[in-house]
Every structure is written in structure tokens, then in C-alpha cells.
Amino acid sequence: MPKFIDDATFGDYFASFEHTAWRLETRRGYGSDRQNEKFRHFEATGELAEEPERPWCTNVRAQTSQGKRFERVRIVDQPPTTEQLYLLASAAVNNAAGEDIRNLWRSDADQLRLPAEDFWLFDSRRALVLHFGDADTYLGSELVEDAERIVRYCQIRDAAWHHAIRRADFTAQVTSKV
């Protein structure tokens, strides 16, 4: 039985880690994105308003100023879904705040046998596995501290990070393929 955290404590993990917060994003889209006005504006116009002062970016700047790292790999389809294009565009603000978001084509992720599982890995010793339901709706986060599962997540991180492409280089590939 998964041990779900109280969603009210979710943000605490992003302030209390000591060295690294790393994420794998595997979904073709997220219900929470589709429900917000920012996404609907992007879908209609292809443009994205920058929000460098949103709480996420403020925290990333605070944590990275202490020498901590925020890293993320997003799996992207060929061609990318509208939601994936939205995330690719929105990553520019996160990158500017200090988060290193990279991308990996789904076909490459499949060759690496990466799982279709979204998770955050903190300091290579605890993970939050994000669970989703129908229409990509967020159901909750499972806290994982079991050493065997953590080692598996570290191996996934290492493989994904090694093959992931920096945003600027990936964006050029997407533009040439769209």
C-alpha cells in the first residue's frame, strides 16, 4: 500500500533537501496545466507570459543560491503534444531561475527502458512518486524511502540525465521536426 504524503507538506520537500532535487516527467500532458488560463492562452496563441516571480522560481533561486541543484528530465513525443510544447516554452523561466530542465525524446527513453513513472528524487535517499488518474489528474504523491526503490530511481536518473538534451539544443530539434 503506497504511503501518500499530506499535499499540504508537498512544498516542504523543495525547501528541506540538502543537495539535489531531481525529477522525471513522462506524461504527454498534465490535467493541472490544461485547467489553467496560462495554458489556454498558449494553446490559442503559441505565446507564453513569463512569470519569473512565481513562488516556484523564487524558491529555486533561494535554493540554488545555497549551492543546491534542481534538475529535471522531460520525456517528449515526436511530434510533441501541445502540452509538451507548453512545458518546453515555460522551461525558459525555470532555467533562468536556476533549474536545469532537459529533454529526451520518448523513443530514446524507450530504448533506455525508462519507466512511465513521474517522480521527484531528493538527495538520492527519498522520492515522491506522483500518481495520476484519468485525464492526467494528479491523485497524490507517494513517499518512498525504501533503499532498493531509491537505488532504482537513482539508476533511472543517471540514465535519463546522461542522454537528456539541454533546452536550447532540444528546442532547435523540435523546431526542425515540427
C-alpha atoms as a PDB file:
ATOM      1  CA  MET A   1       0.000   0.000   0.000  1.00  0.00           C
ATOM      2  CA  PRO A   2       1.553   3.346  -1.024  1.00  0.00           C
ATOM      3  CA  LYS A   3       2.283   5.856   1.728  1.00  0.00           C
ATOM      4  CA  PHE A   4       0.831   9.136   0.422  1.00  0.00           C
ATOM      5  CA  ILE A   5       2.005  12.401   1.910  1.00  0.00           C
ATOM      6  CA  ASP A   6      -0.320  15.160   3.013  1.00  0.00           C
ATOM      7  CA  ASP A   7      -0.436  17.508  -0.003  1.00  0.00           C
ATOM      8  CA  ALA A   8      -0.028  20.435   2.397  1.00  0.00           C
ATOM      9  CA  THR A   9       3.561  19.223   3.024  1.00  0.00           C
ATOM     10  CA  PHE A  10       4.469  18.772  -0.669  1.00  0.00           C
ATOM     11  CA  GLY A  11       6.291  22.102  -0.900  1.00  0.00           C
ATOM     12  CA  ASP A  12       8.347  21.371   2.210  1.00  0.00           C
ATOM     13  CA  TYR A  13      10.401  18.799   0.299  1.00  0.00           C
ATOM     14  CA  PHE A  14      11.638  21.521  -2.064  1.00  0.00           C
ATOM     15  CA  ALA A  15      12.976  23.669   0.745  1.00  0.00           C
ATOM     16  CA  SER A  16      14.376  20.976   3.053  1.00  0.00           C
ATOM     17  CA  PHE A  17      16.527  18.909   0.671  1.00  0.00           C
ATOM     18  CA  GLU A  18      20.272  19.213   1.182  1.00  0.00           C
ATOM     19  CA  HIS A  19      21.872  18.807  -2.247  1.00  0.00           C
ATOM     20  CA  THR A  20      19.695  17.802  -5.204  1.00  0.00           C
ATOM     21  CA  ALA A  21      16.063  17.705  -6.226  1.00  0.00           C
ATOM     22  CA  TRP A  22      15.674  15.748  -9.471  1.00  0.00           C
ATOM     23  CA  ARG A  23      12.518  14.956 -11.447  1.00  0.00           C
ATOM     24  CA  LEU A  24      11.477  12.653 -14.261  1.00  0.00           C
ATOM     25  CA  GLU A  25       8.358  13.741 -16.192  1.00  0.00           C
ATOM     26  CA  THR A  26       6.938  11.094 -18.500  1.00  0.00           C
ATOM     27  CA  ARG A  27       3.360  12.127 -19.218  1.00  0.00           C
ATOM     28  CA  ARG A  28       2.122  13.540 -22.510  1.00  0.00           C
ATOM     29  CA  GLY A  29       0.298  16.249 -20.581  1.00  0.00           C
ATOM     30  CA  TYR A  30      -0.928  17.205 -17.136  1.00  0.00           C
ATOM     31  CA  GLY A  31      -4.536  17.913 -16.224  1.00  0.00           C
ATOM     32  CA  SER A  32      -3.479  20.772 -13.963  1.00  0.00           C
ATOM     33  CA  ASP A  33      -1.810  22.532 -16.902  1.00  0.00           C
ATOM     34  CA  ARG A  34      -4.853  22.139 -19.136  1.00  0.00           C
ATOM     35  CA  GLN A  35      -7.036  23.761 -16.472  1.00  0.00           C
ATOM     36  CA  ASN A  36      -5.092  26.994 -16.138  1.00  0.00           C
ATOM     37  CA  GLU A  37      -5.506  30.189 -18.122  1.00  0.00           C
ATOM     38  CA  LYS A  38      -1.797  30.389 -18.916  1.00  0.00           C
ATOM     39  CA  PHE A  39      -2.016  27.102 -20.849  1.00  0.00           C
ATOM     40  CA  ARG A  40      -5.218  28.096 -22.657  1.00  0.00           C
ATOM     41  CA  HIS A  41      -3.539  31.343 -23.744  1.00  0.00           C
ATOM     42  CA  PHE A  42      -0.521  29.373 -25.016  1.00  0.00           C
ATOM     43  CA  GLU A  43      -2.794  26.913 -26.825  1.00  0.00           C
ATOM     44  CA  ALA A  44      -4.630  29.757 -28.559  1.00  0.00           C
ATOM     45  CA  THR A  45      -1.660  31.992 -29.385  1.00  0.00           C
ATOM     46  CA  GLY A  46       1.538  29.961 -29.069  1.00  0.00           C
ATOM     47  CA  GLU A  47       2.785  32.671 -26.701  1.00  0.00           C
ATOM     48  CA  LEU A  48       3.638  32.365 -23.045  1.00  0.00           C
ATOM     49  CA  ALA A  49       3.747  35.148 -20.485  1.00  0.00           C
ATOM     50  CA  GLU A  50       6.859  34.891 -18.328  1.00  0.00           C
ATOM     51  CA  GLU A  51       6.361  34.729 -14.569  1.00  0.00           C
ATOM     52  CA  PRO A  52       9.829  34.915 -13.001  1.00  0.00           C
ATOM     53  CA  GLU A  53       8.432  35.918  -9.602  1.00  0.00           C
ATOM     54  CA  ARG A  54       6.072  32.979  -9.133  1.00  0.00           C
ATOM     55  CA  PRO A  55       6.745  31.051  -5.884  1.00  0.00           C
ATOM     56  CA  TRP A  56       8.396  28.089  -7.652  1.00  0.00           C
ATOM     57  CA  CYS A  57      11.051  30.292  -9.275  1.00  0.00           C
ATOM     58  CA  THR A  58      11.591  32.255  -6.062  1.00  0.00           C
ATOM     59  CA  ASN A  59      12.291  29.002  -4.201  1.00  0.00           C
ATOM     60  CA  VAL A  60      14.567  27.680  -6.966  1.00  0.00           C
ATOM     61  CA  ARG A  61      16.638  30.867  -6.783  1.00  0.00           C
ATOM     62  CA  ALA A  62      16.798  30.649  -2.982  1.00  0.00           C
ATOM     63  CA  GLN A  63      17.877  27.002  -3.001  1.00  0.00           C
ATOM     64  CA  THR A  64      20.392  27.275  -5.851  1.00  0.00           C
ATOM     65  CA  SER A  65      21.961  30.333  -4.211  1.00  0.00           C
ATOM     66  CA  GLN A  66      22.868  27.919  -1.385  1.00  0.00           C
ATOM     67  CA  GLY A  67      24.597  25.590  -3.866  1.00  0.00           C
ATOM     68  CA  LYS A  68      21.696  23.139  -4.166  1.00  0.00           C
ATOM     69  CA  ARG A  69      20.667  21.762  -7.571  1.00  0.00           C
ATOM     70  CA  PHE A  70      17.250  21.499  -9.188  1.00  0.00           C
ATOM     71  CA  GLU A  71      17.272  19.219 -12.237  1.00  0.00           C
ATOM     72  CA  ARG A  72      14.583  17.670 -14.376  1.00  0.00           C
ATOM     73  CA  VAL A  73      14.228  15.484 -17.468  1.00  0.00           C
ATOM     74  CA  ARG A  74      11.056  15.644 -19.542  1.00  0.00           C
ATOM     75  CA  ILE A  75      10.162  12.881 -21.965  1.00  0.00           C
ATOM     76  CA  VAL A  76       8.821  14.330 -25.245  1.00  0.00           C
ATOM     77  CA  ASP A  77       6.924  12.663 -28.086  1.00  0.00           C
ATOM     78  CA  GLN A  78       7.663  13.068 -31.811  1.00  0.00           C
ATOM     79  CA  PRO A  79       5.834  15.254 -32.652  1.00  0.00           C
ATOM     80  CA  PRO A  80       5.413  16.892 -29.255  1.00  0.00           C
ATOM     81  CA  THR A  81       1.938  17.270 -27.815  1.00  0.00           C
ATOM     82  CA  THR A  82       0.636  20.794 -27.242  1.00  0.00           C
ATOM     83  CA  GLU A  83       1.182  20.222 -23.522  1.00  0.00           C
ATOM     84  CA  GLN A  84       4.817  19.238 -24.128  1.00  0.00           C
ATOM     85  CA  LEU A  85       5.376  22.338 -26.267  1.00  0.00           C
ATOM     86  CA  TYR A  86       3.891  24.406 -23.440  1.00  0.00           C
ATOM     87  CA  LEU A  87       6.284  22.840 -20.924  1.00  0.00           C
ATOM     88  CA  LEU A  88       9.217  23.359 -23.282  1.00  0.00           C
ATOM     89  CA  ALA A  89       8.329  27.038 -23.611  1.00  0.00           C
ATOM     90  CA  SER A  90       7.724  27.501 -19.885  1.00  0.00           C
ATOM     91  CA  ALA A  91      11.062  25.881 -19.018  1.00  0.00           C
ATOM     92  CA  ALA A  92      12.881  29.057 -20.089  1.00  0.00           C
ATOM     93  CA  VAL A  93      11.741  30.876 -16.936  1.00  0.00           C
ATOM     94  CA  ASN A  94      12.613  27.888 -14.727  1.00  0.00           C
ATOM     95  CA  ASN A  95      16.061  27.655 -16.340  1.00  0.00           C
ATOM     96  CA  ALA A  96      16.644  31.372 -15.757  1.00  0.00           C
ATOM     97  CA  ALA A  97      15.777  30.861 -12.071  1.00  0.00           C
ATOM     98  CA  GLY A  98      18.443  28.144 -11.817  1.00  0.00           C
ATOM     99  CA  GLU A  99      16.592  24.896 -12.557  1.00  0.00           C
ATOM    100  CA  ASP A 100      18.279  22.752 -15.201  1.00  0.00           C
ATOM    101  CA  ILE A 101      15.459  21.244 -17.273  1.00  0.00           C
ATOM    102  CA  ARG A 102      16.499  18.903 -20.054  1.00  0.00           C
ATOM    103  CA  ASN A 103      14.524  16.818 -22.539  1.00  0.00           C
ATOM    104  CA  LEU A 104      14.644  13.350 -24.000  1.00  0.00           C
ATOM    105  CA  TRP A 105      12.754  12.011 -26.986  1.00  0.00           C
ATOM    106  CA  ARG A 106      10.313   9.270 -25.965  1.00  0.00           C
ATOM    107  CA  SER A 107      11.867   6.867 -28.478  1.00  0.00           C
ATOM    108  CA  ASP A 108      15.237   7.334 -26.730  1.00  0.00           C
ATOM    109  CA  ALA A 109      13.604   6.888 -23.318  1.00  0.00           C
ATOM    110  CA  ASP A 110      12.027   3.659 -24.584  1.00  0.00           C
ATOM    111  CA  GLN A 111      15.420   2.398 -25.768  1.00  0.00           C
ATOM    112  CA  LEU A 112      16.808   3.174 -22.313  1.00  0.00           C
ATOM    113  CA  ARG A 113      13.809   1.330 -20.814  1.00  0.00           C
ATOM    114  CA  LEU A 114      12.885   4.269 -18.643  1.00  0.00           C
ATOM    115  CA  PRO A 115       9.615   3.710 -16.791  1.00  0.00           C
ATOM    116  CA  ALA A 116       6.423   5.665 -17.443  1.00  0.00           C
ATOM    117  CA  GLU A 117       6.595   6.976 -13.897  1.00  0.00           C
ATOM    118  CA  ASP A 118       6.809  10.570 -12.672  1.00  0.00           C
ATOM    119  CA  PHE A 119       8.848  11.153  -9.540  1.00  0.00           C
ATOM    120  CA  TRP A 120      10.996  13.599  -7.617  1.00  0.00           C
ATOM    121  CA  LEU A 121      14.226  12.241  -6.118  1.00  0.00           C
ATOM    122  CA  PHE A 122      15.724  14.166  -3.191  1.00  0.00           C
ATOM    123  CA  ASP A 123      19.380  13.740  -2.186  1.00  0.00           C
ATOM    124  CA  SER A 124      19.407  10.175  -3.573  1.00  0.00           C
ATOM    125  CA  ARG A 125      17.629   8.989  -0.433  1.00  0.00           C
ATOM    126  CA  ARG A 126      13.919   9.755  -0.678  1.00  0.00           C
ATOM    127  CA  ALA A 127      11.457  10.078  -3.523  1.00  0.00           C
ATOM    128  CA  LEU A 128       7.982  11.368  -4.137  1.00  0.00           C
ATOM    129  CA  VAL A 129       6.247   9.259  -6.781  1.00  0.00           C
ATOM    130  CA  LEU A 130       3.450  11.251  -8.387  1.00  0.00           C
ATOM    131  CA  HIS A 131       0.257   9.297  -9.087  1.00  0.00           C
ATOM    132  CA  PHE A 132      -2.215  10.314 -11.795  1.00  0.00           C
ATOM    133  CA  GLY A 133      -5.714   9.227 -12.771  1.00  0.00           C
ATOM    134  CA  ASP A 134      -7.949   9.675 -15.766  1.00  0.00           C
ATOM    135  CA  ALA A 135      -7.323  12.796 -17.864  1.00  0.00           C
ATOM    136  CA  ASP A 136      -3.901  13.101 -16.225  1.00  0.00           C
ATOM    137  CA  THR A 137      -5.369  14.355 -12.951  1.00  0.00           C
ATOM    138  CA  TYR A 138      -2.996  14.428 -10.000  1.00  0.00           C
ATOM    139  CA  LEU A 139      -4.060  11.959  -7.284  1.00  0.00           C
ATOM    140  CA  GLY A 140      -1.262  12.398  -4.771  1.00  0.00           C
ATOM    141  CA  SER A 141       2.384  11.759  -4.008  1.00  0.00           C
ATOM    142  CA  GLU A 142       3.735   8.570  -2.527  1.00  0.00           C
ATOM    143  CA  LEU A 143       6.723   8.932  -0.202  1.00  0.00           C
ATOM    144  CA  VAL A 144       9.412   6.329  -0.920  1.00  0.00           C
ATOM    145  CA  GLU A 145      12.362   5.796   1.408  1.00  0.00           C
ATOM    146  CA  ASP A 146      12.961   2.086   0.746  1.00  0.00           C
ATOM    147  CA  ALA A 147      16.653   1.696  -0.200  1.00  0.00           C
ATOM    148  CA  GLU A 148      16.001  -0.767  -3.038  1.00  0.00           C
ATOM    149  CA  ARG A 149      13.494   1.517  -4.739  1.00  0.00           C
ATOM    150  CA  ILE A 150      15.715   4.565  -4.184  1.00  0.00           C
ATOM    151  CA  VAL A 151      18.637   2.816  -5.890  1.00  0.00           C
ATOM    152  CA  ARG A 152      16.337   2.075  -8.837  1.00  0.00           C
ATOM    153  CA  TYR A 153      15.328   5.758  -9.050  1.00  0.00           C
ATOM    154  CA  CYS A 154      18.990   6.774  -8.923  1.00  0.00           C
ATOM    155  CA  GLN A 155      19.747   4.424 -11.828  1.00  0.00           C
ATOM    156  CA  ILE A 156      16.828   5.887 -13.795  1.00  0.00           C
ATOM    157  CA  ARG A 157      18.080   9.398 -13.037  1.00  0.00           C
ATOM    158  CA  ASP A 158      21.612   8.577 -14.155  1.00  0.00           C
ATOM    159  CA  ALA A 159      20.492   7.029 -17.448  1.00  0.00           C
ATOM    160  CA  ALA A 160      17.986   9.792 -18.254  1.00  0.00           C
ATOM    161  CA  TRP A 161      20.333  12.647 -17.315  1.00  0.00           C
ATOM    162  CA  HIS A 162      23.211  11.215 -19.353  1.00  0.00           C
ATOM    163  CA  HIS A 163      21.116  11.150 -22.535  1.00  0.00           C
ATOM    164  CA  ALA A 164      18.950  14.235 -21.974  1.00  0.00           C
ATOM    165  CA  ILE A 165      19.422  17.302 -24.155  1.00  0.00           C
ATOM    166  CA  ARG A 166      19.724  20.869 -22.890  1.00  0.00           C
ATOM    167  CA  ARG A 167      16.689  23.030 -23.611  1.00  0.00           C
ATOM    168  CA  ALA A 168      18.282  25.285 -26.260  1.00  0.00           C
ATOM    169  CA  ASP A 169      19.592  22.334 -28.280  1.00  0.00           C
ATOM    170  CA  PHE A 170      16.353  20.408 -27.876  1.00  0.00           C
ATOM    171  CA  THR A 171      14.236  23.392 -28.909  1.00  0.00           C
ATOM    172  CA  ALA A 172      16.235  23.575 -32.151  1.00  0.00           C
ATOM    173  CA  GLN A 173      15.487  19.898 -32.797  1.00  0.00           C
ATOM    174  CA  VAL A 174      11.764  20.402 -32.127  1.00  0.00           C
ATOM    175  CA  THR A 175      11.612  23.404 -34.449  1.00  0.00           C
ATOM    176  CA  SER A 176      13.224  21.388 -37.230  1.00  0.00           C
ATOM    177  CA  LYS A 177      10.811  18.463 -36.718  1.00  0.00           C
ATOM    178  CA  VAL A 178       7.510  20.357 -36.310  1.00  0.00           C
END
